[in-house]
Amino acid sequence: MVLCGLCGLPAQARESQDPTAPLGWQAPKRTQVVTHARLPNLQGIFCDGQACTVILSGQSVGLGGRVNGYVVSAIGDESVVVSRGGRQWRLDLFAENIKSE
């Protein structure tokens, strides 16, 4: 019985390895990939006197709304401030450049 128990031990160790892999080869460790969401594209600002709505990347959102993980922090006449991860960006309606604040 002891002999049968010892014979099964090496077989269990080999089961977790790929039998076709070269000797000593181990699978590479998986690394976590961090992706960065693109800043939303400001396409329009609409105000009705009391509240404003903006069009960001084709989505209509108000103050506090989320698009691609960015939160609308402020809405002005010609710009919108979005924030994410403690950083803020001002998106101008007719600007070429995006300014980080």
PDB file of N, CA and C in Angstrom:
ATOM      1  N   MET A   1       0.801  -1.184   0.000  1.00  0.00           N
ATOM      2  CA  MET A   1       0.000   0.000   0.000  1.00  0.00           C
ATOM      3  C   MET A   1       0.848   1.254   0.000  1.00  0.00           C
ATOM      4  N   VAL A   2       1.915   1.230   0.762  1.00  0.00           N
ATOM      5  CA  VAL A   2       2.790   2.392   0.800  1.00  0.00           C
ATOM      6  C   VAL A   2       3.394   2.627  -0.576  1.00  0.00           C
ATOM      7  N   LEU A   3       3.729   1.566  -1.260  1.00  0.00           N
ATOM      8  CA  LEU A   3       4.312   1.677  -2.589  1.00  0.00           C
ATOM      9  C   LEU A   3       3.329   2.303  -3.572  1.00  0.00           C
ATOM     10  N   CYS A   4       2.061   1.957  -3.485  1.00  0.00           N
ATOM     11  CA  CYS A   4       1.050   2.542  -4.375  1.00  0.00           C
ATOM     12  C   CYS A   4       0.875   4.032  -4.095  1.00  0.00           C
ATOM     13  N   GLY A   5       0.938   4.417  -2.835  1.00  0.00           N
ATOM     14  CA  GLY A   5       0.812   5.826  -2.481  1.00  0.00           C
ATOM     15  C   GLY A   5       1.964   6.649  -3.008  1.00  0.00           C
ATOM     16  N   LEU A   6       3.161   6.116  -3.007  1.00  0.00           N
ATOM     17  CA  LEU A   6       4.323   6.830  -3.518  1.00  0.00           C
ATOM     18  C   LEU A   6       4.301   6.918  -5.036  1.00  0.00           C
ATOM     19  N   CYS A   7       3.761   5.920  -5.692  1.00  0.00           N
ATOM     20  CA  CYS A   7       3.682   5.935  -7.154  1.00  0.00           C
ATOM     21  C   CYS A   7       2.714   7.009  -7.644  1.00  0.00           C
ATOM     22  N   GLY A   8       1.657   7.287  -6.896  1.00  0.00           N
ATOM     23  CA  GLY A   8       0.670   8.284  -7.300  1.00  0.00           C
ATOM     24  C   GLY A   8       1.134   9.703  -7.099  1.00  0.00           C
ATOM     25  N   LEU A   9       2.091   9.961  -6.225  1.00  0.00           N
ATOM     26  CA  LEU A   9       2.560  11.309  -5.918  1.00  0.00           C
ATOM     27  C   LEU A   9       3.212  11.991  -7.118  1.00  0.00           C
ATOM     28  N   PRO A  10       4.174  11.361  -7.809  1.00  0.00           N
ATOM     29  CA  PRO A  10       4.752  12.029  -8.970  1.00  0.00           C
ATOM     30  C   PRO A  10       3.739  12.261 -10.088  1.00  0.00           C
ATOM     31  N   ALA A  11       2.775  11.395 -10.222  1.00  0.00           N
ATOM     32  CA  ALA A  11       1.761  11.561 -11.264  1.00  0.00           C
ATOM     33  C   ALA A  11       0.922  12.799 -11.002  1.00  0.00           C
ATOM     34  N   GLN A  12       0.616  13.072  -9.745  1.00  0.00           N
ATOM     35  CA  GLN A  12      -0.167  14.264  -9.423  1.00  0.00           C
ATOM     36  C   GLN A  12       0.618  15.529  -9.736  1.00  0.00           C
ATOM     37  N   ALA A  13       1.906  15.526  -9.488  1.00  0.00           N
ATOM     38  CA  ALA A  13       2.729  16.704  -9.773  1.00  0.00           C
ATOM     39  C   ALA A  13       2.813  16.949 -11.269  1.00  0.00           C
ATOM     40  N   ARG A  14       2.853  15.876 -12.054  1.00  0.00           N
ATOM     41  CA  ARG A  14       2.969  16.024 -13.500  1.00  0.00           C
ATOM     42  C   ARG A  14       1.666  16.464 -14.140  1.00  0.00           C
ATOM     43  N   GLU A  15       0.532  16.206 -13.522  1.00  0.00           N
ATOM     44  CA  GLU A  15      -0.748  16.555 -14.105  1.00  0.00           C
ATOM     45  C   GLU A  15      -0.918  18.060 -14.259  1.00  0.00           C
ATOM     46  N   SER A  16      -0.297  18.848 -13.410  1.00  0.00           N
ATOM     47  CA  SER A  16      -0.452  20.295 -13.481  1.00  0.00           C
ATOM     48  C   SER A  16       0.456  20.925 -14.529  1.00  0.00           C
ATOM     49  N   GLN A  17       1.353  20.152 -15.130  1.00  0.00           N
ATOM     50  CA  GLN A  17       2.280  20.675 -16.132  1.00  0.00           C
ATOM     51  C   GLN A  17       1.858  20.219 -17.516  1.00  0.00           C
ATOM     52  N   ASP A  18       2.221  20.994 -18.525  1.00  0.00           N
ATOM     53  CA  ASP A  18       1.948  20.639 -19.909  1.00  0.00           C
ATOM     54  C   ASP A  18       2.948  19.574 -20.337  1.00  0.00           C
ATOM     55  N   PRO A  19       2.488  18.395 -20.755  1.00  0.00           N
ATOM     56  CA  PRO A  19       3.419  17.328 -21.111  1.00  0.00           C
ATOM     57  C   PRO A  19       4.197  17.621 -22.399  1.00  0.00           C
ATOM     58  N   THR A  20       3.735  18.572 -23.208  1.00  0.00           N
ATOM     59  CA  THR A  20       4.435  18.880 -24.455  1.00  0.00           C
ATOM     60  C   THR A  20       5.410  20.044 -24.319  1.00  0.00           C
ATOM     61  N   ALA A  21       5.448  20.677 -23.156  1.00  0.00           N
ATOM     62  CA  ALA A  21       6.333  21.826 -22.943  1.00  0.00           C
ATOM     63  C   ALA A  21       7.770  21.356 -22.736  1.00  0.00           C
ATOM     64  N   PRO A  22       8.763  22.180 -23.138  1.00  0.00           N
ATOM     65  CA  PRO A  22      10.169  21.832 -22.889  1.00  0.00           C
ATOM     66  C   PRO A  22      10.431  21.696 -21.391  1.00  0.00           C
ATOM     67  N   LEU A  23      11.452  20.933 -21.044  1.00  0.00           N
ATOM     68  CA  LEU A  23      11.793  20.737 -19.641  1.00  0.00           C
ATOM     69  C   LEU A  23      12.125  22.066 -18.977  1.00  0.00           C
ATOM     70  N   GLY A  24      11.572  22.293 -17.817  1.00  0.00           N
ATOM     71  CA  GLY A  24      11.854  23.504 -17.058  1.00  0.00           C
ATOM     72  C   GLY A  24      11.059  24.722 -17.513  1.00  0.00           C
ATOM     73  N   TRP A  25      10.275  24.610 -18.566  1.00  0.00           N
ATOM     74  CA  TRP A  25       9.503  25.749 -19.078  1.00  0.00           C
ATOM     75  C   TRP A  25       8.300  26.008 -18.189  1.00  0.00           C
ATOM     76  N   GLN A  26       8.019  27.273 -17.938  1.00  0.00           N
ATOM     77  CA  GLN A  26       6.836  27.663 -17.180  1.00  0.00           C
ATOM     78  C   GLN A  26       6.088  28.721 -17.972  1.00  0.00           C
ATOM     79  N   ALA A  27       4.783  28.684 -17.866  1.00  0.00           N
ATOM     80  CA  ALA A  27       3.959  29.672 -18.560  1.00  0.00           C
ATOM     81  C   ALA A  27       4.262  31.060 -18.016  1.00  0.00           C
ATOM     82  N   PRO A  28       4.277  32.094 -18.892  1.00  0.00           N
ATOM     83  CA  PRO A  28       4.527  33.454 -18.399  1.00  0.00           C
ATOM     84  C   PRO A  28       3.397  33.910 -17.479  1.00  0.00           C
ATOM     85  N   LYS A  29       3.771  34.709 -16.509  1.00  0.00           N
ATOM     86  CA  LYS A  29       2.779  35.238 -15.575  1.00  0.00           C
ATOM     87  C   LYS A  29       1.953  36.294 -16.278  1.00  0.00           C
ATOM     88  N   ARG A  30       0.676  36.302 -15.973  1.00  0.00           N
ATOM     89  CA  ARG A  30      -0.219  37.285 -16.583  1.00  0.00           C
ATOM     90  C   ARG A  30      -0.080  38.616 -15.867  1.00  0.00           C
ATOM     91  N   THR A  31       0.005  39.665 -16.653  1.00  0.00           N
ATOM     92  CA  THR A  31       0.077  41.009 -16.078  1.00  0.00           C
ATOM     93  C   THR A  31      -1.256  41.704 -16.314  1.00  0.00           C
ATOM     94  N   GLN A  32      -1.595  42.589 -15.407  1.00  0.00           N
ATOM     95  CA  GLN A  32      -2.837  43.324 -15.525  1.00  0.00           C
ATOM     96  C   GLN A  32      -2.638  44.505 -16.463  1.00  0.00           C
ATOM     97  N   VAL A  33      -3.515  44.638 -17.436  1.00  0.00           N
ATOM     98  CA  VAL A  33      -3.429  45.705 -18.411  1.00  0.00           C
ATOM     99  C   VAL A  33      -4.300  46.860 -17.951  1.00  0.00           C
ATOM    100  N   VAL A  34      -3.721  48.049 -17.891  1.00  0.00           N
ATOM    101  CA  VAL A  34      -4.457  49.241 -17.504  1.00  0.00           C
ATOM    102  C   VAL A  34      -4.830  49.995 -18.778  1.00  0.00           C
ATOM    103  N   THR A  35      -6.117  50.236 -18.956  1.00  0.00           N
ATOM    104  CA  THR A  35      -6.565  50.982 -20.123  1.00  0.00           C
ATOM    105  C   THR A  35      -6.985  52.386 -19.693  1.00  0.00           C
ATOM    106  N   HIS A  36      -6.795  53.318 -20.570  1.00  0.00           N
ATOM    107  CA  HIS A  36      -7.171  54.704 -20.296  1.00  0.00           C
ATOM    108  C   HIS A  36      -8.341  55.068 -21.199  1.00  0.00           C
ATOM    109  N   ALA A  37      -9.408  55.534 -20.600  1.00  0.00           N
ATOM    110  CA  ALA A  37     -10.574  55.951 -21.371  1.00  0.00           C
ATOM    111  C   ALA A  37     -10.268  57.281 -22.057  1.00  0.00           C
ATOM    112  N   ARG A  38     -10.721  57.398 -23.273  1.00  0.00           N
ATOM    113  CA  ARG A  38     -10.522  58.640 -24.020  1.00  0.00           C
ATOM    114  C   ARG A  38     -11.420  59.731 -23.460  1.00  0.00           C
ATOM    115  N   LEU A  39     -10.931  60.951 -23.522  1.00  0.00           N
ATOM    116  CA  LEU A  39     -11.747  62.090 -23.104  1.00  0.00           C
ATOM    117  C   LEU A  39     -12.979  62.168 -24.001  1.00  0.00           C
ATOM    118  N   PRO A  40     -14.123  62.465 -23.425  1.00  0.00           N
ATOM    119  CA  PRO A  40     -15.318  62.607 -24.246  1.00  0.00           C
ATOM    120  C   PRO A  40     -15.190  63.799 -25.193  1.00  0.00           C
ATOM    121  N   ASN A  41     -15.902  63.728 -26.293  1.00  0.00           N
ATOM    122  CA  ASN A  41     -15.913  64.794 -27.295  1.00  0.00           C
ATOM    123  C   ASN A  41     -17.131  65.683 -27.030  1.00  0.00           C
ATOM    124  N   LEU A  42     -16.895  66.967 -26.751  1.00  0.00           N
ATOM    125  CA  LEU A  42     -17.989  67.911 -26.498  1.00  0.00           C
ATOM    126  C   LEU A  42     -18.613  68.305 -27.831  1.00  0.00           C
ATOM    127  N   GLN A  43     -19.906  67.994 -27.982  1.00  0.00           N
ATOM    128  CA  GLN A  43     -20.588  68.257 -29.246  1.00  0.00           C
ATOM    129  C   GLN A  43     -21.676  69.317 -29.145  1.00  0.00           C
ATOM    130  N   GLY A  44     -22.098  69.651 -27.933  1.00  0.00           N
ATOM    131  CA  GLY A  44     -23.126  70.676 -27.797  1.00  0.00           C
ATOM    132  C   GLY A  44     -23.450  70.981 -26.355  1.00  0.00           C
ATOM    133  N   ILE A  45     -23.930  72.215 -26.125  1.00  0.00           N
ATOM    134  CA  ILE A  45     -24.368  72.660 -24.807  1.00  0.00           C
ATOM    135  C   ILE A  45     -25.744  73.294 -24.981  1.00  0.00           C
ATOM    136  N   PHE A  46     -26.720  72.823 -24.212  1.00  0.00           N
ATOM    137  CA  PHE A  46     -28.083  73.335 -24.300  1.00  0.00           C
ATOM    138  C   PHE A  46     -28.560  73.733 -22.911  1.00  0.00           C
ATOM    139  N   CYS A  47     -28.985  75.006 -22.773  1.00  0.00           N
ATOM    140  CA  CYS A  47     -29.491  75.502 -21.489  1.00  0.00           C
ATOM    141  C   CYS A  47     -30.905  76.035 -21.692  1.00  0.00           C
ATOM    142  N   ASP A  48     -31.800  75.725 -20.731  1.00  0.00           N
ATOM    143  CA  ASP A  48     -33.180  76.198 -20.823  1.00  0.00           C
ATOM    144  C   ASP A  48     -33.500  77.252 -19.764  1.00  0.00           C
ATOM    145  N   GLY A  49     -32.480  77.837 -19.171  1.00  0.00           N
ATOM    146  CA  GLY A  49     -32.682  78.854 -18.150  1.00  0.00           C
ATOM    147  C   GLY A  49     -32.464  78.317 -16.742  1.00  0.00           C
ATOM    148  N   GLN A  50     -32.863  77.098 -16.480  1.00  0.00           N
ATOM    149  CA  GLN A  50     -32.685  76.517 -15.152  1.00  0.00           C
ATOM    150  C   GLN A  50     -31.565  75.482 -15.131  1.00  0.00           C
ATOM    151  N   ALA A  51     -31.559  74.598 -16.093  1.00  0.00           N
ATOM    152  CA  ALA A  51     -30.566  73.520 -16.123  1.00  0.00           C
ATOM    153  C   ALA A  51     -29.945  73.423 -17.512  1.00  0.00           C
ATOM    154  N   CYS A  52     -28.748  72.924 -17.543  1.00  0.00           N
ATOM    155  CA  CYS A  52     -28.046  72.751 -18.809  1.00  0.00           C
ATOM    156  C   CYS A  52     -27.804  71.271 -19.062  1.00  0.00           C
ATOM    157  N   THR A  53     -27.810  70.929 -20.326  1.00  0.00           N
ATOM    158  CA  THR A  53     -27.511  69.576 -20.776  1.00  0.00           C
ATOM    159  C   THR A  53     -26.417  69.671 -21.817  1.00  0.00           C
ATOM    160  N   VAL A  54     -25.511  68.710 -21.798  1.00  0.00           N
ATOM    161  CA  VAL A  54     -24.428  68.701 -22.776  1.00  0.00           C
ATOM    162  C   VAL A  54     -24.482  67.399 -23.561  1.00  0.00           C
ATOM    163  N   ILE A  55     -23.948  67.450 -24.765  1.00  0.00           N
ATOM    164  CA  ILE A  55     -23.799  66.260 -25.591  1.00  0.00           C
ATOM    165  C   ILE A  55     -22.317  65.928 -25.599  1.00  0.00           C
ATOM    166  N   LEU A  56     -21.972  64.794 -24.960  1.00  0.00           N
ATOM    167  CA  LEU A  56     -20.589  64.330 -24.903  1.00  0.00           C
ATOM    168  C   LEU A  56     -20.509  62.970 -25.582  1.00  0.00           C
ATOM    169  N   SER A  57     -19.733  62.899 -26.635  1.00  0.00           N
ATOM    170  CA  SER A  57     -19.548  61.649 -27.380  1.00  0.00           C
ATOM    171  C   SER A  57     -20.883  60.997 -27.733  1.00  0.00           C
ATOM    172  N   GLY A  58     -21.839  61.816 -28.145  1.00  0.00           N
ATOM    173  CA  GLY A  58     -23.133  61.314 -28.580  1.00  0.00           C
ATOM    174  C   GLY A  58     -24.121  61.018 -27.470  1.00  0.00           C
ATOM    175  N   GLN A  59     -23.755  61.279 -26.209  1.00  0.00           N
ATOM    176  CA  GLN A  59     -24.650  61.024 -25.083  1.00  0.00           C
ATOM    177  C   GLN A  59     -25.082  62.340 -24.450  1.00  0.00           C
ATOM    178  N   SER A  60     -26.363  62.444 -24.154  1.00  0.00           N
ATOM    179  CA  SER A  60     -26.908  63.630 -23.509  1.00  0.00           C
ATOM    180  C   SER A  60     -26.854  63.438 -21.997  1.00  0.00           C
ATOM    181  N   VAL A  61     -26.117  64.319 -21.308  1.00  0.00           N
ATOM    182  CA  VAL A  61     -25.976  64.226 -19.854  1.00  0.00           C
ATOM    183  C   VAL A  61     -26.068  65.615 -19.239  1.00  0.00           C
ATOM    184  N   GLY A  62     -26.435  65.648 -17.971  1.00  0.00           N
ATOM    185  CA  GLY A  62     -26.491  66.892 -17.221  1.00  0.00           C
ATOM    186  C   GLY A  62     -25.348  66.956 -16.227  1.00  0.00           C
ATOM    187  N   LEU A  63     -25.408  67.947 -15.370  1.00  0.00           N
ATOM    188  CA  LEU A  63     -24.399  68.126 -14.333  1.00  0.00           C
ATOM    189  C   LEU A  63     -24.370  66.889 -13.439  1.00  0.00           C
ATOM    190  N   GLY A  64     -23.185  66.320 -13.228  1.00  0.00           N
ATOM    191  CA  GLY A  64     -23.045  65.106 -12.431  1.00  0.00           C
ATOM    192  C   GLY A  64     -23.161  63.827 -13.237  1.00  0.00           C
ATOM    193  N   GLY A  65     -23.493  63.955 -14.519  1.00  0.00           N
ATOM    194  CA  GLY A  65     -23.620  62.778 -15.381  1.00  0.00           C
ATOM    195  C   GLY A  65     -22.264  62.182 -15.735  1.00  0.00           C
ATOM    196  N   ARG A  66     -22.274  60.920 -16.156  1.00  0.00           N
ATOM    197  CA  ARG A  66     -21.035  60.209 -16.485  1.00  0.00           C
ATOM    198  C   ARG A  66     -21.014  59.781 -17.948  1.00  0.00           C
ATOM    199  N   VAL A  67     -19.826  59.949 -18.548  1.00  0.00           N
ATOM    200  CA  VAL A  67     -19.566  59.470 -19.899  1.00  0.00           C
ATOM    201  C   VAL A  67     -18.151  58.911 -19.912  1.00  0.00           C
ATOM    202  N   ASN A  68     -18.000  57.650 -20.285  1.00  0.00           N
ATOM    203  CA  ASN A  68     -16.686  56.974 -20.342  1.00  0.00           C
ATOM    204  C   ASN A  68     -15.926  57.078 -19.021  1.00  0.00           C
ATOM    205  N   GLY A  69     -16.631  57.116 -17.906  1.00  0.00           N
ATOM    206  CA  GLY A  69     -15.976  57.204 -16.609  1.00  0.00           C
ATOM    207  C   GLY A  69     -15.651  58.622 -16.171  1.00  0.00           C
ATOM    208  N   TYR A  70     -15.912  59.614 -16.993  1.00  0.00           N
ATOM    209  CA  TYR A  70     -15.686  61.017 -16.660  1.00  0.00           C
ATOM    210  C   TYR A  70     -16.990  61.609 -16.139  1.00  0.00           C
ATOM    211  N   VAL A  71     -16.902  62.436 -15.104  1.00  0.00           N
ATOM    212  CA  VAL A  71     -18.065  63.065 -14.487  1.00  0.00           C
ATOM    213  C   VAL A  71     -18.121  64.527 -14.913  1.00  0.00           C
ATOM    214  N   VAL A  72     -19.292  64.993 -15.315  1.00  0.00           N
ATOM    215  CA  VAL A  72     -19.480  66.395 -15.681  1.00  0.00           C
ATOM    216  C   VAL A  72     -19.518  67.203 -14.387  1.00  0.00           C
ATOM    217  N   SER A  73     -18.481  68.025 -14.167  1.00  0.00           N
ATOM    218  CA  SER A  73     -18.348  68.790 -12.928  1.00  0.00           C
ATOM    219  C   SER A  73     -18.922  70.194 -13.029  1.00  0.00           C
ATOM    220  N   ALA A  74     -18.840  70.792 -14.211  1.00  0.00           N
ATOM    221  CA  ALA A  74     -19.345  72.155 -14.399  1.00  0.00           C
ATOM    222  C   ALA A  74     -19.726  72.340 -15.863  1.00  0.00           C
ATOM    223  N   ILE A  75     -20.749  73.156 -16.071  1.00  0.00           N
ATOM    224  CA  ILE A  75     -21.196  73.462 -17.426  1.00  0.00           C
ATOM    225  C   ILE A  75     -21.234  74.976 -17.574  1.00  0.00           C
ATOM    226  N   GLY A  76     -20.520  75.490 -18.562  1.00  0.00           N
ATOM    227  CA  GLY A  76     -20.517  76.922 -18.860  1.00  0.00           C
ATOM    228  C   GLY A  76     -21.191  77.186 -20.191  1.00  0.00           C
ATOM    229  N   ASP A  77     -21.123  78.441 -20.637  1.00  0.00           N
ATOM    230  CA  ASP A  77     -21.741  78.812 -21.915  1.00  0.00           C
ATOM    231  C   ASP A  77     -21.039  78.165 -23.103  1.00  0.00           C
ATOM    232  N   GLU A  78     -19.701  78.068 -23.036  1.00  0.00           N
ATOM    233  CA  GLU A  78     -18.942  77.537 -24.169  1.00  0.00           C
ATOM    234  C   GLU A  78     -17.956  76.439 -23.768  1.00  0.00           C
ATOM    235  N   SER A  79     -18.055  75.957 -22.530  1.00  0.00           N
ATOM    236  CA  SER A  79     -17.128  74.913 -22.097  1.00  0.00           C
ATOM    237  C   SER A  79     -17.765  74.041 -21.026  1.00  0.00           C
ATOM    238  N   VAL A  80     -17.162  72.872 -20.845  1.00  0.00           N
ATOM    239  CA  VAL A  80     -17.609  71.904 -19.841  1.00  0.00           C
ATOM    240  C   VAL A  80     -16.373  71.410 -19.110  1.00  0.00           C
ATOM    241  N   VAL A  81     -16.476  71.240 -17.799  1.00  0.00           N
ATOM    242  CA  VAL A  81     -15.382  70.667 -17.020  1.00  0.00           C
ATOM    243  C   VAL A  81     -15.780  69.242 -16.656  1.00  0.00           C
ATOM    244  N   VAL A  82     -14.907  68.291 -17.016  1.00  0.00           N
ATOM    245  CA  VAL A  82     -15.109  66.895 -16.646  1.00  0.00           C
ATOM    246  C   VAL A  82     -13.978  66.480 -15.719  1.00  0.00           C
ATOM    247  N   SER A  83     -14.258  65.537 -14.832  1.00  0.00           N
ATOM    248  CA  SER A  83     -13.232  65.095 -13.886  1.00  0.00           C
ATOM    249  C   SER A  83     -13.216  63.576 -13.817  1.00  0.00           C
ATOM    250  N   ARG A  84     -12.043  63.079 -13.455  1.00  0.00           N
ATOM    251  CA  ARG A  84     -11.853  61.642 -13.277  1.00  0.00           C
ATOM    252  C   ARG A  84     -10.578  61.424 -12.482  1.00  0.00           C
ATOM    253  N   GLY A  85     -10.653  60.628 -11.438  1.00  0.00           N
ATOM    254  CA  GLY A  85      -9.463  60.291 -10.659  1.00  0.00           C
ATOM    255  C   GLY A  85      -8.766  61.490 -10.048  1.00  0.00           C
ATOM    256  N   GLY A  86      -9.520  62.503  -9.638  1.00  0.00           N
ATOM    257  CA  GLY A  86      -8.923  63.673  -9.004  1.00  0.00           C
ATOM    258  C   GLY A  86      -8.366  64.701  -9.973  1.00  0.00           C
ATOM    259  N   ARG A  87      -8.454  64.454 -11.261  1.00  0.00           N
ATOM    260  CA  ARG A  87      -7.985  65.423 -12.266  1.00  0.00           C
ATOM    261  C   ARG A  87      -9.184  66.013 -12.987  1.00  0.00           C
ATOM    262  N   GLN A  88      -8.993  67.218 -13.541  1.00  0.00           N
ATOM    263  CA  GLN A  88     -10.064  67.897 -14.257  1.00  0.00           C
ATOM    264  C   GLN A  88      -9.583  68.333 -15.633  1.00  0.00           C
ATOM    265  N   TRP A  89     -10.508  68.321 -16.595  1.00  0.00           N
ATOM    266  CA  TRP A  89     -10.227  68.792 -17.943  1.00  0.00           C
ATOM    267  C   TRP A  89     -11.349  69.726 -18.363  1.00  0.00           C
ATOM    268  N   ARG A  90     -10.972  70.821 -19.022  1.00  0.00           N
ATOM    269  CA  ARG A  90     -11.966  71.743 -19.566  1.00  0.00           C
ATOM    270  C   ARG A  90     -12.080  71.476 -21.058  1.00  0.00           C
ATOM    271  N   LEU A  91     -13.273  71.145 -21.486  1.00  0.00           N
ATOM    272  CA  LEU A  91     -13.542  70.891 -22.894  1.00  0.00           C
ATOM    273  C   LEU A  91     -14.248  72.109 -23.464  1.00  0.00           C
ATOM    274  N   ASP A  92     -13.619  72.786 -24.407  1.00  0.00           N
ATOM    275  CA  ASP A  92     -14.213  73.962 -25.039  1.00  0.00           C
ATOM    276  C   ASP A  92     -15.009  73.526 -26.259  1.00  0.00           C
ATOM    277  N   LEU A  93     -16.123  74.170 -26.482  1.00  0.00           N
ATOM    278  CA  LEU A  93     -17.011  73.808 -27.579  1.00  0.00           C
ATOM    279  C   LEU A  93     -16.373  74.032 -28.932  1.00  0.00           C
ATOM    280  N   PHE A  94     -15.602  75.107 -29.097  1.00  0.00           N
ATOM    281  CA  PHE A  94     -15.016  75.415 -30.395  1.00  0.00           C
ATOM    282  C   PHE A  94     -13.500  75.479 -30.348  1.00  0.00           C
ATOM    283  N   ALA A  95     -12.876  74.748 -29.439  1.00  0.00           N
ATOM    284  CA  ALA A  95     -11.415  74.819 -29.289  1.00  0.00           C
ATOM    285  C   ALA A  95     -10.745  73.637 -29.968  1.00  0.00           C
ATOM    286  N   GLU A  96      -9.510  73.841 -30.362  1.00  0.00           N
ATOM    287  CA  GLU A  96      -8.684  72.797 -30.937  1.00  0.00           C
ATOM    288  C   GLU A  96      -7.973  72.016 -29.848  1.00  0.00           C
ATOM    289  N   ASN A  97      -7.641  72.697 -28.738  1.00  0.00           N
ATOM    290  CA  ASN A  97      -6.863  72.074 -27.680  1.00  0.00           C
ATOM    291  C   ASN A  97      -7.710  71.843 -26.441  1.00  0.00           C
ATOM    292  N   ILE A  98      -7.385  70.779 -25.730  1.00  0.00           N
ATOM    293  CA  ILE A  98      -8.039  70.478 -24.464  1.00  0.00           C
ATOM    294  C   ILE A  98      -7.079  70.915 -23.361  1.00  0.00           C
ATOM    295  N   LYS A  99      -7.581  71.655 -22.409  1.00  0.00           N
ATOM    296  CA  LYS A  99      -6.719  72.195 -21.357  1.00  0.00           C
ATOM    297  C   LYS A  99      -6.956  71.430 -20.069  1.00  0.00           C
ATOM    298  N   SER A 100      -5.869  70.990 -19.445  1.00  0.00           N
ATOM    299  CA  SER A 100      -5.936  70.316 -18.159  1.00  0.00           C
ATOM    300  C   SER A 100      -5.846  71.366 -17.064  1.00  0.00           C
ATOM    301  N   GLU A 101      -6.732  71.282 -16.086  1.00  0.00           N
ATOM    302  CA  GLU A 101      -6.741  72.285 -15.011  1.00  0.00           C
ATOM    303  C   GLU A 101      -6.174  71.711 -13.751  1.00  0.00           C
TER     304      GLU A 101
END
